[in-house]
């Protein structure tokens, strides 16, 4: 994985970010470790971390759960947009190992002005959707406990 492709994830031009995700998706095995490192790196640009999370939705996880682990680390990010992106990606890859950490964000109601493109732009809303997508008995019981779903 080239540093240039990873740097493009944080580019100001959306076309560069989209092309970088497409290139990363061509070789998931090589991309996963680099993306996991970028996502977990709190010193990396938030935009790059967000787009790395987006890319993981395309390449999924490996048998070691390295992507899920990195996304779980990103749940502690200072920037709400990074937390939101990690939550969305965890739901997308159905990261059962992260259910309890995801549930910790059901009360994270910080607004994300950068997420103008999304109606549900609070980490709490992304956490709810992630737990619904994962759908395990534990995930659903945590949602029920918080009053987010009422079905049995």
N, C-alpha and C. Protein backbone atom coordinates (compact mmCIF):
# COMPACT_ATOMS: atom_id res chain seq x y z
N UNK A 1 0.85 -1.17 0.00
CA UNK A 1 0.00 0.00 0.00
C UNK A 1 0.89 1.23 0.00
N UNK A 2 0.67 2.09 -0.93
CA UNK A 2 1.53 3.26 -1.03
C UNK A 2 1.07 4.36 -0.08
N UNK A 3 2.04 5.13 0.37
CA UNK A 3 1.73 6.26 1.23
C UNK A 3 0.89 7.29 0.50
N UNK A 4 1.08 7.38 -0.81
CA UNK A 4 0.32 8.35 -1.61
C UNK A 4 -1.18 8.04 -1.56
N UNK A 5 -1.54 6.78 -1.69
CA UNK A 5 -2.96 6.39 -1.64
C UNK A 5 -3.54 6.73 -0.28
N UNK A 6 -2.82 6.41 0.78
CA UNK A 6 -3.30 6.72 2.12
C UNK A 6 -3.40 8.22 2.35
N UNK A 7 -2.44 8.97 1.83
CA UNK A 7 -2.48 10.43 1.96
C UNK A 7 -3.69 11.00 1.23
N UNK A 8 -4.06 10.39 0.12
CA UNK A 8 -5.21 10.86 -0.64
C UNK A 8 -6.52 10.72 0.13
N UNK A 9 -6.56 9.85 1.13
CA UNK A 9 -7.77 9.73 1.95
C UNK A 9 -8.06 11.01 2.72
N UNK A 10 -7.04 11.80 2.95
CA UNK A 10 -7.21 13.07 3.66
C UNK A 10 -7.15 14.28 2.76
N UNK A 11 -7.19 14.07 1.46
CA UNK A 11 -7.09 15.17 0.50
C UNK A 11 -8.33 16.07 0.58
N UNK A 12 -8.14 17.32 0.22
CA UNK A 12 -9.28 18.24 0.23
C UNK A 12 -10.22 17.98 -0.95
N UNK A 13 -9.71 17.39 -2.02
CA UNK A 13 -10.54 17.09 -3.18
C UNK A 13 -11.22 15.74 -3.00
N UNK A 14 -12.54 15.74 -3.05
CA UNK A 14 -13.29 14.50 -2.85
C UNK A 14 -12.95 13.45 -3.91
N UNK A 15 -12.64 13.89 -5.12
CA UNK A 15 -12.30 12.94 -6.18
C UNK A 15 -11.09 12.10 -5.80
N UNK A 16 -10.10 12.73 -5.16
CA UNK A 16 -8.91 11.98 -4.73
C UNK A 16 -9.28 10.96 -3.66
N UNK A 17 -10.16 11.36 -2.74
CA UNK A 17 -10.56 10.44 -1.67
C UNK A 17 -11.32 9.24 -2.25
N UNK A 18 -12.22 9.49 -3.18
CA UNK A 18 -13.00 8.42 -3.80
C UNK A 18 -12.09 7.47 -4.57
N UNK A 19 -11.15 8.04 -5.33
CA UNK A 19 -10.21 7.18 -6.08
C UNK A 19 -9.36 6.35 -5.13
N UNK A 20 -8.95 6.94 -4.01
CA UNK A 20 -8.13 6.20 -3.04
C UNK A 20 -8.91 5.02 -2.48
N UNK A 21 -10.17 5.22 -2.15
CA UNK A 21 -11.00 4.11 -1.64
C UNK A 21 -11.11 3.02 -2.69
N UNK A 22 -11.34 3.41 -3.93
CA UNK A 22 -11.45 2.42 -5.01
C UNK A 22 -10.15 1.63 -5.17
N UNK A 23 -9.03 2.30 -5.09
CA UNK A 23 -7.73 1.60 -5.21
C UNK A 23 -7.52 0.66 -4.04
N UNK A 24 -7.87 1.09 -2.85
CA UNK A 24 -7.71 0.24 -1.67
C UNK A 24 -8.59 -1.00 -1.77
N UNK A 25 -9.78 -0.84 -2.30
CA UNK A 25 -10.72 -1.96 -2.42
C UNK A 25 -10.24 -3.02 -3.41
N UNK A 26 -9.31 -2.66 -4.29
CA UNK A 26 -8.78 -3.62 -5.26
C UNK A 26 -7.89 -4.67 -4.62
N UNK A 27 -7.30 -4.35 -3.48
CA UNK A 27 -6.41 -5.29 -2.79
C UNK A 27 -6.68 -5.25 -1.28
N UNK A 28 -7.81 -5.83 -0.86
CA UNK A 28 -8.20 -5.75 0.55
C UNK A 28 -7.15 -6.29 1.52
N UNK A 29 -6.48 -7.36 1.14
CA UNK A 29 -5.49 -7.96 2.05
C UNK A 29 -4.36 -6.98 2.37
N UNK A 30 -3.90 -6.26 1.36
CA UNK A 30 -2.83 -5.29 1.58
C UNK A 30 -3.36 -4.02 2.24
N UNK A 31 -4.61 -3.68 1.97
CA UNK A 31 -5.16 -2.43 2.48
C UNK A 31 -5.50 -2.49 3.96
N UNK A 32 -5.97 -3.63 4.45
CA UNK A 32 -6.46 -3.71 5.82
C UNK A 32 -5.46 -3.23 6.87
N UNK A 33 -4.22 -3.72 6.87
CA UNK A 33 -3.30 -3.27 7.92
C UNK A 33 -3.02 -1.77 7.86
N UNK A 34 -2.88 -1.24 6.65
CA UNK A 34 -2.61 0.20 6.51
C UNK A 34 -3.81 1.02 6.96
N UNK A 35 -5.01 0.59 6.60
CA UNK A 35 -6.21 1.31 7.01
C UNK A 35 -6.42 1.22 8.52
N UNK A 36 -6.18 0.04 9.08
CA UNK A 36 -6.34 -0.12 10.53
C UNK A 36 -5.38 0.81 11.27
N UNK A 37 -4.16 0.90 10.81
CA UNK A 37 -3.19 1.78 11.46
C UNK A 37 -3.61 3.24 11.35
N UNK A 38 -4.10 3.63 10.20
CA UNK A 38 -4.54 5.02 9.99
C UNK A 38 -5.75 5.35 10.87
N UNK A 39 -6.72 4.47 10.90
CA UNK A 39 -7.93 4.69 11.69
C UNK A 39 -7.59 4.85 13.17
N UNK A 40 -6.70 4.03 13.67
CA UNK A 40 -6.36 4.03 15.09
C UNK A 40 -5.41 5.16 15.48
N UNK A 41 -4.82 5.83 14.52
CA UNK A 41 -3.82 6.87 14.80
C UNK A 41 -4.49 8.21 15.10
N UNK A 42 -4.54 8.57 16.37
CA UNK A 42 -5.20 9.81 16.77
C UNK A 42 -4.49 11.06 16.26
N UNK A 43 -3.27 10.93 15.78
CA UNK A 43 -2.54 12.08 15.25
C UNK A 43 -2.79 12.30 13.75
N UNK A 44 -3.44 11.34 13.11
CA UNK A 44 -3.76 11.49 11.69
C UNK A 44 -4.88 12.49 11.51
N UNK A 45 -4.95 13.07 10.31
CA UNK A 45 -6.01 14.03 10.00
C UNK A 45 -7.37 13.36 10.15
N UNK A 46 -8.32 14.04 10.80
CA UNK A 46 -9.66 13.45 10.93
C UNK A 46 -10.27 13.04 9.59
N UNK A 47 -10.09 13.85 8.55
CA UNK A 47 -10.64 13.51 7.24
C UNK A 47 -10.09 12.19 6.74
N UNK A 48 -8.80 11.96 6.93
CA UNK A 48 -8.19 10.70 6.50
C UNK A 48 -8.75 9.53 7.30
N UNK A 49 -8.97 9.72 8.59
CA UNK A 49 -9.53 8.66 9.44
C UNK A 49 -10.96 8.34 9.02
N UNK A 50 -11.73 9.38 8.70
CA UNK A 50 -13.11 9.19 8.25
C UNK A 50 -13.14 8.37 6.95
N UNK A 51 -12.31 8.76 5.99
CA UNK A 51 -12.30 8.05 4.72
C UNK A 51 -11.68 6.67 4.81
N UNK A 52 -10.79 6.47 5.75
CA UNK A 52 -10.28 5.12 6.00
C UNK A 52 -11.41 4.24 6.53
N UNK A 53 -12.24 4.79 7.41
CA UNK A 53 -13.40 4.04 7.91
C UNK A 53 -14.36 3.72 6.77
N UNK A 54 -14.58 4.67 5.89
CA UNK A 54 -15.42 4.43 4.72
C UNK A 54 -14.85 3.28 3.89
N UNK A 55 -13.56 3.29 3.70
CA UNK A 55 -12.91 2.23 2.91
C UNK A 55 -13.10 0.86 3.55
N UNK A 56 -13.11 0.80 4.88
CA UNK A 56 -13.26 -0.51 5.52
C UNK A 56 -14.63 -1.12 5.24
N UNK A 57 -15.61 -0.28 4.98
CA UNK A 57 -16.92 -0.79 4.62
C UNK A 57 -16.87 -1.51 3.27
N UNK A 58 -15.90 -1.16 2.45
CA UNK A 58 -15.73 -1.79 1.14
C UNK A 58 -14.91 -3.07 1.23
N UNK A 59 -13.93 -3.10 2.14
CA UNK A 59 -13.01 -4.24 2.17
C UNK A 59 -13.30 -5.23 3.29
N UNK A 60 -14.18 -4.84 4.22
CA UNK A 60 -14.58 -5.67 5.36
C UNK A 60 -13.40 -5.96 6.28
N UNK A 61 -13.50 -7.00 7.07
CA UNK A 61 -12.49 -7.29 8.09
C UNK A 61 -11.76 -8.58 7.76
N UNK A 62 -10.67 -8.83 8.47
CA UNK A 62 -9.95 -10.09 8.31
C UNK A 62 -10.33 -11.03 9.46
N UNK A 63 -9.78 -12.22 9.45
CA UNK A 63 -10.14 -13.22 10.47
C UNK A 63 -9.65 -12.83 11.86
N UNK A 64 -8.69 -11.93 11.95
CA UNK A 64 -8.18 -11.48 13.25
C UNK A 64 -8.97 -10.30 13.82
N UNK A 65 -9.86 -9.75 13.03
CA UNK A 65 -10.65 -8.61 13.48
C UNK A 65 -9.85 -7.34 13.63
N UNK A 66 -8.78 -7.19 12.84
CA UNK A 66 -7.91 -6.02 12.98
C UNK A 66 -8.61 -4.72 12.62
N UNK A 67 -9.51 -4.76 11.65
CA UNK A 67 -10.24 -3.55 11.28
C UNK A 67 -11.21 -3.18 12.39
N UNK A 68 -11.94 -4.14 12.92
CA UNK A 68 -12.87 -3.87 14.02
C UNK A 68 -12.14 -3.32 15.23
N UNK A 69 -10.97 -3.85 15.51
CA UNK A 69 -10.18 -3.35 16.65
C UNK A 69 -9.79 -1.90 16.44
N UNK A 70 -9.35 -1.56 15.24
CA UNK A 70 -8.95 -0.18 14.94
C UNK A 70 -10.15 0.75 15.01
N UNK A 71 -11.27 0.31 14.45
CA UNK A 71 -12.48 1.14 14.50
C UNK A 71 -12.94 1.34 15.94
N UNK A 72 -12.77 0.33 16.77
CA UNK A 72 -13.14 0.44 18.19
C UNK A 72 -12.25 1.46 18.89
N UNK A 73 -10.99 1.50 18.54
CA UNK A 73 -10.07 2.51 19.09
C UNK A 73 -10.54 3.90 18.67
N UNK A 74 -10.99 4.03 17.43
CA UNK A 74 -11.44 5.33 16.92
C UNK A 74 -12.69 5.83 17.63
N UNK A 75 -13.39 4.97 18.34
CA UNK A 75 -14.57 5.41 19.10
C UNK A 75 -14.19 6.37 20.22
N UNK A 76 -12.91 6.43 20.57
CA UNK A 76 -12.44 7.35 21.61
C UNK A 76 -11.93 8.66 21.02
N UNK A 77 -12.08 8.85 19.73
CA UNK A 77 -11.58 10.07 19.07
C UNK A 77 -12.25 11.31 19.64
N UNK A 78 -11.48 12.38 19.68
CA UNK A 78 -12.01 13.67 20.13
C UNK A 78 -13.07 14.18 19.16
N UNK A 79 -12.87 13.97 17.87
CA UNK A 79 -13.76 14.49 16.84
C UNK A 79 -14.98 13.59 16.67
N UNK A 80 -16.15 14.18 16.80
CA UNK A 80 -17.40 13.42 16.68
C UNK A 80 -17.54 12.77 15.30
N UNK A 81 -17.05 13.42 14.26
CA UNK A 81 -17.17 12.87 12.92
C UNK A 81 -16.35 11.58 12.78
N UNK A 82 -15.23 11.49 13.47
CA UNK A 82 -14.44 10.25 13.45
C UNK A 82 -15.19 9.15 14.21
N UNK A 83 -15.75 9.49 15.36
CA UNK A 83 -16.54 8.50 16.13
C UNK A 83 -17.73 8.02 15.29
N UNK A 84 -18.43 8.95 14.67
CA UNK A 84 -19.60 8.63 13.85
C UNK A 84 -19.19 7.68 12.71
N UNK A 85 -18.11 7.99 12.03
CA UNK A 85 -17.66 7.17 10.91
C UNK A 85 -17.27 5.77 11.38
N UNK A 86 -16.61 5.70 12.52
CA UNK A 86 -16.23 4.39 13.07
C UNK A 86 -17.47 3.58 13.42
N UNK A 87 -18.47 4.22 13.99
CA UNK A 87 -19.71 3.53 14.34
C UNK A 87 -20.43 3.01 13.09
N UNK A 88 -20.50 3.85 12.06
CA UNK A 88 -21.13 3.43 10.81
C UNK A 88 -20.38 2.22 10.22
N UNK A 89 -19.06 2.29 10.22
CA UNK A 89 -18.26 1.20 9.66
C UNK A 89 -18.40 -0.08 10.48
N UNK A 90 -18.43 0.05 11.81
CA UNK A 90 -18.60 -1.14 12.66
C UNK A 90 -19.93 -1.82 12.38
N UNK A 91 -20.97 -1.04 12.13
CA UNK A 91 -22.25 -1.63 11.76
C UNK A 91 -22.19 -2.28 10.39
N UNK A 92 -21.49 -1.64 9.48
CA UNK A 92 -21.37 -2.15 8.12
C UNK A 92 -20.65 -3.50 8.08
N UNK A 93 -19.61 -3.63 8.88
CA UNK A 93 -18.87 -4.90 8.89
C UNK A 93 -19.43 -5.88 9.92
N UNK A 94 -20.51 -5.48 10.60
CA UNK A 94 -21.20 -6.31 11.60
C UNK A 94 -20.22 -6.84 12.65
N UNK A 95 -19.52 -5.90 13.27
CA UNK A 95 -18.47 -6.23 14.24
C UNK A 95 -19.07 -6.62 15.59
N UNK A 96 -19.38 -7.89 15.74
CA UNK A 96 -19.96 -8.39 16.98
C UNK A 96 -19.07 -8.13 18.18
N UNK A 97 -17.77 -8.13 17.98
CA UNK A 97 -16.83 -7.93 19.08
C UNK A 97 -16.90 -6.52 19.67
N UNK A 98 -17.52 -5.61 18.95
CA UNK A 98 -17.56 -4.21 19.39
C UNK A 98 -18.91 -3.78 19.96
N UNK A 99 -19.82 -4.70 20.14
CA UNK A 99 -21.19 -4.36 20.53
C UNK A 99 -21.23 -3.50 21.80
N UNK A 100 -20.54 -3.90 22.83
CA UNK A 100 -20.60 -3.14 24.08
C UNK A 100 -19.98 -1.75 23.94
N UNK A 101 -18.89 -1.64 23.19
CA UNK A 101 -18.27 -0.33 22.95
C UNK A 101 -19.19 0.55 22.11
N UNK A 102 -19.87 -0.04 21.15
CA UNK A 102 -20.83 0.71 20.35
C UNK A 102 -21.94 1.24 21.25
N UNK A 103 -22.45 0.38 22.12
CA UNK A 103 -23.55 0.77 23.02
C UNK A 103 -23.17 1.94 23.92
N UNK A 104 -21.90 2.07 24.22
CA UNK A 104 -21.45 3.20 25.04
C UNK A 104 -21.71 4.55 24.36
N UNK A 105 -21.96 4.53 23.06
CA UNK A 105 -22.18 5.77 22.31
C UNK A 105 -23.66 6.06 22.06
N UNK A 106 -24.54 5.29 22.65
CA UNK A 106 -25.96 5.57 22.50
C UNK A 106 -26.35 6.91 23.11
N UNK A 107 -25.53 7.41 24.01
CA UNK A 107 -25.77 8.71 24.63
C UNK A 107 -24.88 9.82 24.08
N UNK A 108 -24.16 9.55 23.01
CA UNK A 108 -23.23 10.52 22.40
C UNK A 108 -24.00 11.37 21.38
N UNK A 109 -24.54 12.49 21.83
CA UNK A 109 -25.41 13.31 21.00
C UNK A 109 -24.71 14.53 20.40
N UNK A 110 -23.39 14.49 20.32
CA UNK A 110 -22.67 15.63 19.75
C UNK A 110 -23.04 15.82 18.27
N UNK A 111 -23.37 17.05 17.92
CA UNK A 111 -23.70 17.37 16.52
C UNK A 111 -22.44 17.30 15.66
N UNK A 112 -22.63 16.94 14.41
CA UNK A 112 -21.51 16.85 13.46
C UNK A 112 -21.82 17.76 12.28
N UNK A 113 -21.35 19.00 12.33
CA UNK A 113 -21.65 19.91 11.22
C UNK A 113 -21.04 19.46 9.90
N UNK A 114 -19.95 18.69 9.96
CA UNK A 114 -19.31 18.21 8.72
C UNK A 114 -20.19 17.21 7.99
N UNK A 115 -21.15 16.62 8.69
CA UNK A 115 -21.98 15.56 8.10
C UNK A 115 -23.26 16.13 7.50
N UNK A 116 -23.13 17.20 6.77
CA UNK A 116 -24.27 17.85 6.13
C UNK A 116 -25.01 16.91 5.20
N UNK A 117 -24.34 15.86 4.73
CA UNK A 117 -24.89 14.94 3.76
C UNK A 117 -25.76 13.87 4.40
N UNK A 118 -25.84 13.83 5.70
CA UNK A 118 -26.51 12.75 6.42
C UNK A 118 -27.52 13.34 7.39
N UNK A 119 -28.74 12.87 7.35
CA UNK A 119 -29.76 13.36 8.27
C UNK A 119 -29.46 12.93 9.71
N UNK A 120 -29.02 11.71 9.86
CA UNK A 120 -28.71 11.18 11.19
C UNK A 120 -27.23 11.38 11.46
N UNK A 121 -26.89 12.58 11.92
CA UNK A 121 -25.48 12.90 12.00
C UNK A 121 -25.00 13.10 13.44
N UNK A 122 -25.43 12.22 14.31
CA UNK A 122 -24.92 12.20 15.67
C UNK A 122 -24.38 10.80 15.93
N UNK A 123 -23.31 10.70 16.69
CA UNK A 123 -22.80 9.36 17.01
C UNK A 123 -23.87 8.45 17.62
N UNK A 124 -24.76 9.00 18.44
CA UNK A 124 -25.81 8.18 19.05
C UNK A 124 -26.69 7.52 18.00
N UNK A 125 -27.00 8.24 16.93
CA UNK A 125 -27.82 7.67 15.87
C UNK A 125 -27.06 6.60 15.10
N UNK A 126 -25.78 6.83 14.87
CA UNK A 126 -24.96 5.82 14.20
C UNK A 126 -24.81 4.58 15.07
N UNK A 127 -24.70 4.77 16.39
CA UNK A 127 -24.60 3.63 17.31
C UNK A 127 -25.86 2.78 17.26
N UNK A 128 -27.01 3.44 17.24
CA UNK A 128 -28.28 2.71 17.16
C UNK A 128 -28.34 1.89 15.88
N UNK A 129 -28.02 2.50 14.76
CA UNK A 129 -28.04 1.79 13.48
C UNK A 129 -27.03 0.65 13.44
N UNK A 130 -25.86 0.87 14.03
CA UNK A 130 -24.83 -0.18 14.05
C UNK A 130 -25.31 -1.39 14.84
N UNK A 131 -25.88 -1.15 16.00
CA UNK A 131 -26.38 -2.27 16.82
C UNK A 131 -27.52 -2.99 16.12
N UNK A 132 -28.39 -2.25 15.46
CA UNK A 132 -29.46 -2.88 14.69
C UNK A 132 -28.89 -3.75 13.58
N UNK A 133 -27.87 -3.25 12.88
CA UNK A 133 -27.26 -3.99 11.78
C UNK A 133 -26.57 -5.26 12.28
N UNK A 134 -25.91 -5.15 13.41
CA UNK A 134 -25.22 -6.32 13.96
C UNK A 134 -26.26 -7.36 14.38
N UNK A 135 -27.28 -6.91 15.07
CA UNK A 135 -28.46 -7.73 15.32
C UNK A 135 -28.31 -8.94 16.23
N UNK A 136 -27.22 -9.04 16.95
CA UNK A 136 -27.08 -10.17 17.87
C UNK A 136 -28.03 -9.99 19.06
N UNK A 137 -28.30 -11.05 19.80
CA UNK A 137 -29.15 -10.89 20.97
C UNK A 137 -28.62 -9.82 21.95
N UNK A 138 -27.31 -9.77 22.14
CA UNK A 138 -26.74 -8.75 23.03
C UNK A 138 -26.98 -7.35 22.47
N UNK A 139 -26.73 -7.16 21.18
CA UNK A 139 -26.93 -5.84 20.57
C UNK A 139 -28.38 -5.39 20.72
N UNK A 140 -29.31 -6.29 20.46
CA UNK A 140 -30.72 -5.94 20.55
C UNK A 140 -31.15 -5.70 21.99
N UNK A 141 -30.60 -6.46 22.92
CA UNK A 141 -30.96 -6.23 24.33
C UNK A 141 -30.43 -4.89 24.82
N UNK A 142 -29.26 -4.47 24.36
CA UNK A 142 -28.73 -3.16 24.74
C UNK A 142 -29.60 -2.04 24.16
N UNK A 143 -30.09 -2.23 22.97
CA UNK A 143 -30.99 -1.24 22.38
C UNK A 143 -32.31 -1.19 23.15
N UNK A 144 -32.83 -2.36 23.52
CA UNK A 144 -34.07 -2.41 24.31
C UNK A 144 -33.89 -1.71 25.64
N UNK A 145 -32.76 -1.98 26.29
CA UNK A 145 -32.48 -1.37 27.60
C UNK A 145 -32.49 0.14 27.52
N UNK A 146 -32.02 0.69 26.41
CA UNK A 146 -31.98 2.13 26.21
C UNK A 146 -33.26 2.68 25.61
N UNK A 147 -34.25 1.81 25.41
CA UNK A 147 -35.53 2.26 24.85
C UNK A 147 -35.47 2.56 23.37
N UNK A 148 -34.46 2.05 22.66
CA UNK A 148 -34.32 2.33 21.23
C UNK A 148 -35.16 1.40 20.36
N UNK A 149 -35.49 0.21 20.90
CA UNK A 149 -36.41 -0.70 20.20
C UNK A 149 -37.33 -1.30 21.25
N UNK A 150 -38.50 -1.67 20.82
CA UNK A 150 -39.46 -2.25 21.75
C UNK A 150 -39.84 -3.68 21.40
N UNK A 151 -39.45 -4.13 20.21
CA UNK A 151 -39.82 -5.50 19.83
C UNK A 151 -39.01 -6.50 20.65
N UNK A 152 -39.57 -7.68 20.86
CA UNK A 152 -38.89 -8.71 21.67
C UNK A 152 -37.62 -9.23 21.02
